[in-house]
């Protein structure tokens, strides 16, 4: 696998978060690239978590490689559309959970 992960957080051999950031495209187009990076997890017995974002939209991912690769994704969170939504608070809630996973490992 060649490429560059934008951000990778590792805690005790546990890939907590892979972030793939795209500035000018719909965030959903970055999901396949993020999943390809997540498949490179050196410990396939553990799930790996990811996030793709363009700064305005966010999708959270979870990949389990064993016994066969399967992934799940959150819905698309948008900070601006529709106006007045509570997606920013939900994105921060998920990021706090990730922080909690990092600090308790």
PDB file of N, CA and C in Angstrom:
ATOM      1  N   UNK A   1       0.855  -1.169   0.000  1.00  0.00           N
ATOM      2  CA  UNK A   1       0.000   0.000   0.000  1.00  0.00           C
ATOM      3  C   UNK A   1       0.898   1.228   0.000  1.00  0.00           C
ATOM      4  N   UNK A   2       0.697   2.109  -0.945  1.00  0.00           N
ATOM      5  CA  UNK A   2       1.419   3.366  -0.971  1.00  0.00           C
ATOM      6  C   UNK A   2       0.424   4.497  -0.821  1.00  0.00           C
ATOM      7  N   UNK A   3       0.853   5.548  -0.209  1.00  0.00           N
ATOM      8  CA  UNK A   3      -0.004   6.697   0.020  1.00  0.00           C
ATOM      9  C   UNK A   3       0.415   7.369   1.301  1.00  0.00           C
ATOM     10  N   UNK A   4      -0.343   8.371   1.688  1.00  0.00           N
ATOM     11  CA  UNK A   4      -0.003   9.098   2.906  1.00  0.00           C
ATOM     12  C   UNK A   4      -1.272   9.305   3.726  1.00  0.00           C
ATOM     13  N   UNK A   5      -1.266   8.762   4.917  1.00  0.00           N
ATOM     14  CA  UNK A   5      -2.361   8.978   5.852  1.00  0.00           C
ATOM     15  C   UNK A   5      -2.203  10.393   6.398  1.00  0.00           C
ATOM     16  N   UNK A   6      -3.263  11.164   6.421  1.00  0.00           N
ATOM     17  CA  UNK A   6      -3.164  12.544   6.893  1.00  0.00           C
ATOM     18  C   UNK A   6      -2.865  12.603   8.386  1.00  0.00           C
ATOM     19  N   UNK A   7      -3.513  11.785   9.174  1.00  0.00           N
ATOM     20  CA  UNK A   7      -3.253  11.719  10.618  1.00  0.00           C
ATOM     21  C   UNK A   7      -3.474  10.278  11.064  1.00  0.00           C
ATOM     22  N   UNK A   8      -2.587   9.781  11.916  1.00  0.00           N
ATOM     23  CA  UNK A   8      -2.745   8.442  12.477  1.00  0.00           C
ATOM     24  C   UNK A   8      -2.411   8.523  13.953  1.00  0.00           C
ATOM     25  N   UNK A   9      -3.339   8.105  14.801  1.00  0.00           N
ATOM     26  CA  UNK A   9      -3.124   8.084  16.249  1.00  0.00           C
ATOM     27  C   UNK A   9      -3.017   6.627  16.669  1.00  0.00           C
ATOM     28  N   UNK A  10      -1.911   6.288  17.317  1.00  0.00           N
ATOM     29  CA  UNK A  10      -1.680   4.920  17.779  1.00  0.00           C
ATOM     30  C   UNK A  10      -1.481   4.950  19.286  1.00  0.00           C
ATOM     31  N   UNK A  11      -2.181   4.075  19.984  1.00  0.00           N
ATOM     32  CA  UNK A  11      -2.037   3.957  21.435  1.00  0.00           C
ATOM     33  C   UNK A  11      -1.759   2.497  21.753  1.00  0.00           C
ATOM     34  N   UNK A  12      -0.554   2.195  22.196  1.00  0.00           N
ATOM     35  CA  UNK A  12      -0.194   0.821  22.571  1.00  0.00           C
ATOM     36  C   UNK A  12      -0.537  -0.182  21.464  1.00  0.00           C
ATOM     37  N   UNK A  13      -0.040   0.040  20.282  1.00  0.00           N
ATOM     38  CA  UNK A  13      -0.250  -0.838  19.126  1.00  0.00           C
ATOM     39  C   UNK A  13      -1.705  -0.857  18.647  1.00  0.00           C
ATOM     40  N   UNK A  14      -2.548   0.022  19.141  1.00  0.00           N
ATOM     41  CA  UNK A  14      -3.965   0.061  18.781  1.00  0.00           C
ATOM     42  C   UNK A  14      -4.205   1.279  17.898  1.00  0.00           C
ATOM     43  N   UNK A  15      -4.595   1.047  16.657  1.00  0.00           N
ATOM     44  CA  UNK A  15      -4.893   2.156  15.744  1.00  0.00           C
ATOM     45  C   UNK A  15      -6.231   2.741  16.162  1.00  0.00           C
ATOM     46  N   UNK A  16      -6.176   3.841  16.882  1.00  0.00           N
ATOM     47  CA  UNK A  16      -7.390   4.442  17.407  1.00  0.00           C
ATOM     48  C   UNK A  16      -8.124   5.225  16.336  1.00  0.00           C
ATOM     49  N   UNK A  17      -7.380   5.952  15.520  1.00  0.00           N
ATOM     50  CA  UNK A  17      -8.055   6.834  14.565  1.00  0.00           C
ATOM     51  C   UNK A  17      -7.186   7.065  13.346  1.00  0.00           C
ATOM     52  N   UNK A  18      -7.744   6.840  12.185  1.00  0.00           N
ATOM     53  CA  UNK A  18      -7.123   7.209  10.919  1.00  0.00           C
ATOM     54  C   UNK A  18      -7.966   8.338  10.357  1.00  0.00           C
ATOM     55  N   UNK A  19      -7.315   9.448  10.005  1.00  0.00           N
ATOM     56  CA  UNK A  19      -8.043  10.590   9.459  1.00  0.00           C
ATOM     57  C   UNK A  19      -7.602  10.805   8.021  1.00  0.00           C
ATOM     58  N   UNK A  20      -8.548  10.854   7.117  1.00  0.00           N
ATOM     59  CA  UNK A  20      -8.284  11.189   5.727  1.00  0.00           C
ATOM     60  C   UNK A  20      -9.019  12.500   5.456  1.00  0.00           C
ATOM     61  N   UNK A  21      -8.279  13.516   5.106  1.00  0.00           N
ATOM     62  CA  UNK A  21      -8.860  14.845   4.912  1.00  0.00           C
ATOM     63  C   UNK A  21      -8.804  15.234   3.442  1.00  0.00           C
ATOM     64  N   UNK A  22      -9.889  15.757   2.956  1.00  0.00           N
ATOM     65  CA  UNK A  22      -9.983  16.274   1.595  1.00  0.00           C
ATOM     66  C   UNK A  22     -10.586  17.674   1.679  1.00  0.00           C
ATOM     67  N   UNK A  23     -10.004  18.617   0.997  1.00  0.00           N
ATOM     68  CA  UNK A  23     -10.491  19.992   1.097  1.00  0.00           C
ATOM     69  C   UNK A  23     -11.622  20.326   0.132  1.00  0.00           C
ATOM     70  N   UNK A  24     -11.557  19.830  -1.073  1.00  0.00           N
ATOM     71  CA  UNK A  24     -12.442  20.369  -2.101  1.00  0.00           C
ATOM     72  C   UNK A  24     -13.466  19.393  -2.643  1.00  0.00           C
ATOM     73  N   UNK A  25     -13.530  18.195  -2.093  1.00  0.00           N
ATOM     74  CA  UNK A  25     -14.467  17.217  -2.640  1.00  0.00           C
ATOM     75  C   UNK A  25     -15.471  16.798  -1.582  1.00  0.00           C
ATOM     76  N   UNK A  26     -16.492  16.116  -2.038  1.00  0.00           N
ATOM     77  CA  UNK A  26     -17.442  15.541  -1.087  1.00  0.00           C
ATOM     78  C   UNK A  26     -16.703  14.519  -0.242  1.00  0.00           C
ATOM     79  N   UNK A  27     -16.932  14.561   1.041  1.00  0.00           N
ATOM     80  CA  UNK A  27     -16.191  13.711   1.973  1.00  0.00           C
ATOM     81  C   UNK A  27     -16.399  12.227   1.680  1.00  0.00           C
ATOM     82  N   UNK A  28     -17.547  11.844   1.178  1.00  0.00           N
ATOM     83  CA  UNK A  28     -17.819  10.427   0.929  1.00  0.00           C
ATOM     84  C   UNK A  28     -16.865   9.838  -0.107  1.00  0.00           C
ATOM     85  N   UNK A  29     -16.288  10.658  -0.976  1.00  0.00           N
ATOM     86  CA  UNK A  29     -15.353  10.161  -1.976  1.00  0.00           C
ATOM     87  C   UNK A  29     -14.027   9.723  -1.357  1.00  0.00           C
ATOM     88  N   UNK A  30     -13.743  10.146  -0.123  1.00  0.00           N
ATOM     89  CA  UNK A  30     -12.501   9.760   0.555  1.00  0.00           C
ATOM     90  C   UNK A  30     -12.647   8.469   1.339  1.00  0.00           C
ATOM     91  N   UNK A  31     -13.849   7.935   1.483  1.00  0.00           N
ATOM     92  CA  UNK A  31     -14.073   6.729   2.279  1.00  0.00           C
ATOM     93  C   UNK A  31     -13.275   5.534   1.754  1.00  0.00           C
ATOM     94  N   UNK A  32     -13.287   5.227   0.444  1.00  0.00           N
ATOM     95  CA  UNK A  32     -12.501   4.070  -0.016  1.00  0.00           C
ATOM     96  C   UNK A  32     -11.009   4.205   0.297  1.00  0.00           C
ATOM     97  N   UNK A  33     -10.455   5.393   0.148  1.00  0.00           N
ATOM     98  CA  UNK A  33      -9.046   5.604   0.451  1.00  0.00           C
ATOM     99  C   UNK A  33      -8.773   5.382   1.933  1.00  0.00           C
ATOM    100  N   UNK A  34      -9.627   5.912   2.789  1.00  0.00           N
ATOM    101  CA  UNK A  34      -9.444   5.721   4.236  1.00  0.00           C
ATOM    102  C   UNK A  34      -9.545   4.241   4.594  1.00  0.00           C
ATOM    103  N   UNK A  35     -10.502   3.528   4.018  1.00  0.00           N
ATOM    104  CA  UNK A  35     -10.643   2.098   4.309  1.00  0.00           C
ATOM    105  C   UNK A  35      -9.413   1.319   3.844  1.00  0.00           C
ATOM    106  N   UNK A  36      -8.838   1.698   2.714  1.00  0.00           N
ATOM    107  CA  UNK A  36      -7.619   1.029   2.245  1.00  0.00           C
ATOM    108  C   UNK A  36      -6.489   1.229   3.245  1.00  0.00           C
ATOM    109  N   UNK A  37      -6.333   2.437   3.773  1.00  0.00           N
ATOM    110  CA  UNK A  37      -5.319   2.687   4.800  1.00  0.00           C
ATOM    111  C   UNK A  37      -5.616   1.870   6.059  1.00  0.00           C
ATOM    112  N   UNK A  38      -6.891   1.829   6.435  1.00  0.00           N
ATOM    113  CA  UNK A  38      -7.270   1.118   7.651  1.00  0.00           C
ATOM    114  C   UNK A  38      -6.997  -0.381   7.536  1.00  0.00           C
ATOM    115  N   UNK A  39      -7.049  -0.929   6.320  1.00  0.00           N
ATOM    116  CA  UNK A  39      -6.752  -2.353   6.117  1.00  0.00           C
ATOM    117  C   UNK A  39      -5.280  -2.663   6.400  1.00  0.00           C
ATOM    118  N   UNK A  40      -4.442  -1.639   6.442  1.00  0.00           N
ATOM    119  CA  UNK A  40      -3.007  -1.840   6.713  1.00  0.00           C
ATOM    120  C   UNK A  40      -2.711  -1.913   8.207  1.00  0.00           C
ATOM    121  N   UNK A  41      -3.718  -1.923   9.037  1.00  0.00           N
ATOM    122  CA  UNK A  41      -3.551  -2.043  10.482  1.00  0.00           C
ATOM    123  C   UNK A  41      -2.644  -3.241  10.778  1.00  0.00           C
ATOM    124  N   UNK A  42      -1.537  -3.035  11.495  1.00  0.00           N
ATOM    125  CA  UNK A  42      -0.623  -4.144  11.752  1.00  0.00           C
ATOM    126  C   UNK A  42      -1.173  -5.188  12.723  1.00  0.00           C
ATOM    127  N   UNK A  43      -2.275  -4.899  13.394  1.00  0.00           N
ATOM    128  CA  UNK A  43      -2.879  -5.852  14.315  1.00  0.00           C
ATOM    129  C   UNK A  43      -4.304  -6.143  13.836  1.00  0.00           C
ATOM    130  N   UNK A  44      -4.469  -7.049  12.881  1.00  0.00           N
ATOM    131  CA  UNK A  44      -5.796  -7.279  12.293  1.00  0.00           C
ATOM    132  C   UNK A  44      -6.815  -7.882  13.250  1.00  0.00           C
ATOM    133  N   UNK A  45      -6.380  -8.316  14.428  1.00  0.00           N
ATOM    134  CA  UNK A  45      -7.332  -8.854  15.401  1.00  0.00           C
ATOM    135  C   UNK A  45      -8.129  -7.744  16.084  1.00  0.00           C
ATOM    136  N   UNK A  46      -7.648  -6.521  15.999  1.00  0.00           N
ATOM    137  CA  UNK A  46      -8.340  -5.383  16.608  1.00  0.00           C
ATOM    138  C   UNK A  46      -9.006  -4.535  15.540  1.00  0.00           C
ATOM    139  N   UNK A  47     -10.145  -3.988  15.876  1.00  0.00           N
ATOM    140  CA  UNK A  47     -10.819  -3.062  14.971  1.00  0.00           C
ATOM    141  C   UNK A  47     -10.027  -1.760  14.911  1.00  0.00           C
ATOM    142  N   UNK A  48     -10.200  -1.054  13.809  1.00  0.00           N
ATOM    143  CA  UNK A  48      -9.560   0.253  13.651  1.00  0.00           C
ATOM    144  C   UNK A  48     -10.664   1.256  13.326  1.00  0.00           C
ATOM    145  N   UNK A  49     -10.487   2.463  13.801  1.00  0.00           N
ATOM    146  CA  UNK A  49     -11.490   3.506  13.649  1.00  0.00           C
ATOM    147  C   UNK A  49     -10.933   4.627  12.794  1.00  0.00           C
ATOM    148  N   UNK A  50     -11.778   5.213  11.972  1.00  0.00           N
ATOM    149  CA  UNK A  50     -11.331   6.274  11.082  1.00  0.00           C
ATOM    150  C   UNK A  50     -12.343   7.391  10.969  1.00  0.00           C
ATOM    151  N   UNK A  51     -11.876   8.485  10.403  1.00  0.00           N
ATOM    152  CA  UNK A  51     -12.731   9.643  10.150  1.00  0.00           C
ATOM    153  C   UNK A  51     -12.280  10.260   8.835  1.00  0.00           C
ATOM    154  N   UNK A  52     -13.229  10.598   7.990  1.00  0.00           N
ATOM    155  CA  UNK A  52     -12.923  11.365   6.791  1.00  0.00           C
ATOM    156  C   UNK A  52     -13.644  12.698   6.913  1.00  0.00           C
ATOM    157  N   UNK A  53     -12.978  13.737   6.437  1.00  0.00           N
ATOM    158  CA  UNK A  53     -13.542  15.076   6.595  1.00  0.00           C
ATOM    159  C   UNK A  53     -13.015  15.999   5.513  1.00  0.00           C
ATOM    160  N   UNK A  54     -13.834  16.976   5.144  1.00  0.00           N
ATOM    161  CA  UNK A  54     -13.360  18.059   4.299  1.00  0.00           C
ATOM    162  C   UNK A  54     -13.421  19.383   5.074  1.00  0.00           C
ATOM    163  N   UNK A  55     -13.606  19.294   6.370  1.00  0.00           N
ATOM    164  CA  UNK A  55     -13.710  20.475   7.214  1.00  0.00           C
ATOM    165  C   UNK A  55     -15.143  20.907   7.452  1.00  0.00           C
ATOM    166  N   UNK A  56     -16.028  20.553   6.544  1.00  0.00           N
ATOM    167  CA  UNK A  56     -17.449  20.876   6.668  1.00  0.00           C
ATOM    168  C   UNK A  56     -18.301  19.636   6.898  1.00  0.00           C
ATOM    169  N   UNK A  57     -17.839  18.498   6.389  1.00  0.00           N
ATOM    170  CA  UNK A  57     -18.569  17.248   6.499  1.00  0.00           C
ATOM    171  C   UNK A  57     -17.669  16.202   7.152  1.00  0.00           C
ATOM    172  N   UNK A  58     -18.288  15.277   7.877  1.00  0.00           N
ATOM    173  CA  UNK A  58     -17.545  14.250   8.598  1.00  0.00           C
ATOM    174  C   UNK A  58     -18.270  12.916   8.462  1.00  0.00           C
ATOM    175  N   UNK A  59     -17.496  11.849   8.275  1.00  0.00           N
ATOM    176  CA  UNK A  59     -18.011  10.481   8.336  1.00  0.00           C
ATOM    177  C   UNK A  59     -17.047   9.689   9.210  1.00  0.00           C
ATOM    178  N   UNK A  60     -17.582   8.922  10.155  1.00  0.00           N
ATOM    179  CA  UNK A  60     -16.771   8.079  11.029  1.00  0.00           C
ATOM    180  C   UNK A  60     -16.869   6.638  10.548  1.00  0.00           C
ATOM    181  N   UNK A  61     -15.749   5.917  10.620  1.00  0.00           N
ATOM    182  CA  UNK A  61     -15.660   4.553  10.107  1.00  0.00           C
ATOM    183  C   UNK A  61     -15.137   3.602  11.174  1.00  0.00           C
ATOM    184  N   UNK A  62     -15.533   2.347  11.063  1.00  0.00           N
ATOM    185  CA  UNK A  62     -14.974   1.277  11.885  1.00  0.00           C
ATOM    186  C   UNK A  62     -14.725   0.099  10.955  1.00  0.00           C
ATOM    187  N   UNK A  63     -13.529  -0.478  11.049  1.00  0.00           N
ATOM    188  CA  UNK A  63     -13.172  -1.609  10.211  1.00  0.00           C
ATOM    189  C   UNK A  63     -12.705  -2.757  11.089  1.00  0.00           C
ATOM    190  N   UNK A  64     -13.297  -3.915  10.881  1.00  0.00           N
ATOM    191  CA  UNK A  64     -12.848  -5.157  11.516  1.00  0.00           C
ATOM    192  C   UNK A  64     -12.314  -6.044  10.411  1.00  0.00           C
ATOM    193  N   UNK A  65     -11.054  -6.460  10.526  1.00  0.00           N
ATOM    194  CA  UNK A  65     -10.416  -7.236   9.460  1.00  0.00           C
ATOM    195  C   UNK A  65     -10.612  -8.737   9.610  1.00  0.00           C
ATOM    196  N   UNK A  66     -10.888  -9.199  10.822  1.00  0.00           N
ATOM    197  CA  UNK A  66     -10.987 -10.632  11.060  1.00  0.00           C
ATOM    198  C   UNK A  66     -12.396 -10.997  11.502  1.00  0.00           C
ATOM    199  N   UNK A  67     -12.965 -12.093  11.115  1.00  0.00           N
ATOM    200  CA  UNK A  67     -12.403 -13.122  10.260  1.00  0.00           C
ATOM    201  C   UNK A  67     -12.408 -12.732   8.781  1.00  0.00           C
ATOM    202  N   UNK A  68     -13.280 -11.804   8.389  1.00  0.00           N
ATOM    203  CA  UNK A  68     -13.234 -11.257   7.031  1.00  0.00           C
ATOM    204  C   UNK A  68     -13.456  -9.753   7.157  1.00  0.00           C
ATOM    205  N   UNK A  69     -12.885  -8.973   6.268  1.00  0.00           N
ATOM    206  CA  UNK A  69     -13.013  -7.514   6.385  1.00  0.00           C
ATOM    207  C   UNK A  69     -14.472  -7.051   6.306  1.00  0.00           C
ATOM    208  N   UNK A  70     -14.873  -6.269   7.297  1.00  0.00           N
ATOM    209  CA  UNK A  70     -16.201  -5.650   7.323  1.00  0.00           C
ATOM    210  C   UNK A  70     -16.041  -4.247   7.876  1.00  0.00           C
ATOM    211  N   UNK A  71     -16.815  -3.329   7.325  1.00  0.00           N
ATOM    212  CA  UNK A  71     -16.753  -1.978   7.852  1.00  0.00           C
ATOM    213  C   UNK A  71     -18.144  -1.434   8.074  1.00  0.00           C
ATOM    214  N   UNK A  72     -18.206  -0.447   8.936  1.00  0.00           N
ATOM    215  CA  UNK A  72     -19.433   0.279   9.188  1.00  0.00           C
ATOM    216  C   UNK A  72     -19.117   1.760   9.155  1.00  0.00           C
ATOM    217  N   UNK A  73     -20.134   2.542   8.887  1.00  0.00           N
ATOM    218  CA  UNK A  73     -19.911   3.983   8.851  1.00  0.00           C
ATOM    219  C   UNK A  73     -21.071   4.699   9.517  1.00  0.00           C
ATOM    220  N   UNK A  74     -20.757   5.882  10.009  1.00  0.00           N
ATOM    221  CA  UNK A  74     -21.804   6.740  10.552  1.00  0.00           C
ATOM    222  C   UNK A  74     -22.530   7.390   9.380  1.00  0.00           C
ATOM    223  N   UNK A  75     -23.544   8.112   9.694  1.00  0.00           N
ATOM    224  CA  UNK A  75     -24.161   8.940   8.664  1.00  0.00           C
ATOM    225  C   UNK A  75     -23.229  10.115   8.396  1.00  0.00           C
ATOM    226  N   UNK A  76     -23.495  10.856   7.362  1.00  0.00           N
ATOM    227  CA  UNK A  76     -22.722  12.045   7.047  1.00  0.00           C
ATOM    228  C   UNK A  76     -23.164  13.176   7.967  1.00  0.00           C
ATOM    229  N   UNK A  77     -22.213  13.756   8.675  1.00  0.00           N
ATOM    230  CA  UNK A  77     -22.486  14.925   9.511  1.00  0.00           C
ATOM    231  C   UNK A  77     -22.061  16.165   8.751  1.00  0.00           C
ATOM    232  N   UNK A  78     -22.936  17.132   8.650  1.00  0.00           N
ATOM    233  CA  UNK A  78     -22.631  18.388   7.964  1.00  0.00           C
ATOM    234  C   UNK A  78     -22.758  19.525   8.968  1.00  0.00           C
ATOM    235  N   UNK A  79     -21.731  20.381   9.000  1.00  0.00           N
ATOM    236  CA  UNK A  79     -21.753  21.487   9.953  1.00  0.00           C
ATOM    237  C   UNK A  79     -22.627  22.639   9.489  1.00  0.00           C
ATOM    238  N   UNK A  80     -22.939  22.707   8.194  1.00  0.00           N
ATOM    239  CA  UNK A  80     -23.642  23.878   7.676  1.00  0.00           C
ATOM    240  C   UNK A  80     -25.007  23.598   7.072  1.00  0.00           C
ATOM    241  N   UNK A  81     -25.304  22.361   6.689  1.00  0.00           N
ATOM    242  CA  UNK A  81     -26.572  22.099   6.005  1.00  0.00           C
ATOM    243  C   UNK A  81     -27.286  20.938   6.663  1.00  0.00           C
ATOM    244  N   UNK A  82     -28.510  21.039   7.047  1.00  0.00           N
ATOM    245  CA  UNK A  82     -29.287  22.276   7.042  1.00  0.00           C
ATOM    246  C   UNK A  82     -28.831  23.197   8.173  1.00  0.00           C
ATOM    247  N   UNK A  83     -29.014  24.458   7.966  1.00  0.00           N
ATOM    248  CA  UNK A  83     -28.612  25.438   8.970  1.00  0.00           C
ATOM    249  C   UNK A  83     -29.341  25.182  10.277  1.00  0.00           C
ATOM    250  N   UNK A  84     -28.655  25.354  11.377  1.00  0.00           N
ATOM    251  CA  UNK A  84     -29.280  25.172  12.679  1.00  0.00           C
ATOM    252  C   UNK A  84     -29.263  23.737  13.175  1.00  0.00           C
ATOM    253  N   UNK A  85     -28.619  22.822  12.446  1.00  0.00           N
ATOM    254  CA  UNK A  85     -28.602  21.437  12.933  1.00  0.00           C
ATOM    255  C   UNK A  85     -27.637  21.302  14.103  1.00  0.00           C
ATOM    256  N   UNK A  86     -27.643  20.145  14.717  1.00  0.00           N
ATOM    257  CA  UNK A  86     -26.807  19.908  15.900  1.00  0.00           C
ATOM    258  C   UNK A  86     -25.639  18.968  15.575  1.00  0.00           C
ATOM    259  N   UNK A  87     -25.277  18.892  14.322  1.00  0.00           N
ATOM    260  CA  UNK A  87     -24.223  17.965  13.922  1.00  0.00           C
ATOM    261  C   UNK A  87     -22.871  18.301  14.537  1.00  0.00           C
ATOM    262  N   UNK A  88     -22.549  19.572  14.707  1.00  0.00           N
ATOM    263  CA  UNK A  88     -21.262  19.932  15.302  1.00  0.00           C
ATOM    264  C   UNK A  88     -21.143  19.332  16.703  1.00  0.00           C
ATOM    265  N   UNK A  89     -22.205  19.393  17.480  1.00  0.00           N
ATOM    266  CA  UNK A  89     -22.182  18.813  18.817  1.00  0.00           C
ATOM    267  C   UNK A  89     -22.001  17.300  18.752  1.00  0.00           C
ATOM    268  N   UNK A  90     -22.617  16.656  17.777  1.00  0.00           N
ATOM    269  CA  UNK A  90     -22.480  15.209  17.630  1.00  0.00           C
ATOM    270  C   UNK A  90     -21.049  14.839  17.219  1.00  0.00           C
ATOM    271  N   UNK A  91     -20.448  15.602  16.315  1.00  0.00           N
ATOM    272  CA  UNK A  91     -19.063  15.351  15.911  1.00  0.00           C
ATOM    273  C   UNK A  91     -18.148  15.467  17.126  1.00  0.00           C
ATOM    274  N   UNK A  92     -18.327  16.515  17.926  1.00  0.00           N
ATOM    275  CA  UNK A  92     -17.509  16.678  19.136  1.00  0.00           C
ATOM    276  C   UNK A  92     -17.741  15.544  20.131  1.00  0.00           C
ATOM    277  N   UNK A  93     -18.973  15.044  20.232  1.00  0.00           N
ATOM    278  CA  UNK A  93     -19.267  13.930  21.130  1.00  0.00           C
ATOM    279  C   UNK A  93     -18.476  12.699  20.713  1.00  0.00           C
ATOM    280  N   UNK A  94     -18.456  12.412  19.413  1.00  0.00           N
ATOM    281  CA  UNK A  94     -17.707  11.251  18.920  1.00  0.00           C
ATOM    282  C   UNK A  94     -16.214  11.444  19.172  1.00  0.00           C
ATOM    283  N   UNK A  95     -15.692  12.640  18.913  1.00  0.00           N
ATOM    284  CA  UNK A  95     -14.268  12.900  19.131  1.00  0.00           C
ATOM    285  C   UNK A  95     -13.900  12.784  20.612  1.00  0.00           C
ATOM    286  N   UNK A  96     -14.805  13.177  21.514  1.00  0.00           N
ATOM    287  CA  UNK A  96     -14.558  12.993  22.946  1.00  0.00           C
ATOM    288  C   UNK A  96     -14.481  11.510  23.286  1.00  0.00           C
ATOM    289  N   UNK A  97     -15.332  10.690  22.657  1.00  0.00           N
ATOM    290  CA  UNK A  97     -15.285   9.248  22.885  1.00  0.00           C
ATOM    291  C   UNK A  97     -13.944   8.676  22.409  1.00  0.00           C
ATOM    292  N   UNK A  98     -13.462   9.170  21.270  1.00  0.00           N
ATOM    293  CA  UNK A  98     -12.160   8.726  20.769  1.00  0.00           C
ATOM    294  C   UNK A  98     -11.067   9.123  21.764  1.00  0.00           C
ATOM    295  N   UNK A  99     -11.137  10.334  22.250  1.00  0.00           N
ATOM    296  CA  UNK A  99     -10.150  10.794  23.257  1.00  0.00           C
ATOM    297  C   UNK A  99     -10.204   9.880  24.472  1.00  0.00           C
ATOM    298  N   UNK A 100     -11.393   9.526  24.915  1.00  0.00           N
ATOM    299  CA  UNK A 100     -11.530   8.635  26.051  1.00  0.00           C
ATOM    300  C   UNK A 100     -10.907   7.268  25.788  1.00  0.00           C
ATOM    301  N   UNK A 101     -11.065   6.763  24.569  1.00  0.00           N
ATOM    302  CA  UNK A 101     -10.458   5.473  24.216  1.00  0.00           C
ATOM    303  C   UNK A 101      -8.943   5.566  24.226  1.00  0.00           C
ATOM    304  N   UNK A 102      -8.410   6.699  23.827  1.00  0.00           N
ATOM    305  CA  UNK A 102      -6.968   6.866  23.791  1.00  0.00           C
ATOM    306  C   UNK A 102      -6.402   6.951  25.205  1.00  0.00           C
ATOM    307  N   UNK A 103      -7.058   7.696  26.068  1.00  0.00           N
ATOM    308  CA  UNK A 103      -6.504   7.940  27.407  1.00  0.00           C
ATOM    309  C   UNK A 103      -6.738   6.776  28.370  1.00  0.00           C
ATOM    310  N   UNK A 104      -7.658   5.871  28.068  1.00  0.00           N
ATOM    311  CA  UNK A 104      -7.908   4.749  28.978  1.00  0.00           C
ATOM    312  C   UNK A 104      -7.185   3.481  28.568  1.00  0.00           C
ATOM    313  N   UNK A 105      -6.549   3.462  27.429  1.00  0.00           N
ATOM    314  CA  UNK A 105      -5.839   2.253  26.971  1.00  0.00           C
ATOM    315  C   UNK A 105      -4.513   2.123  27.677  1.00  0.00           C
TER     316      UNK A 105
END
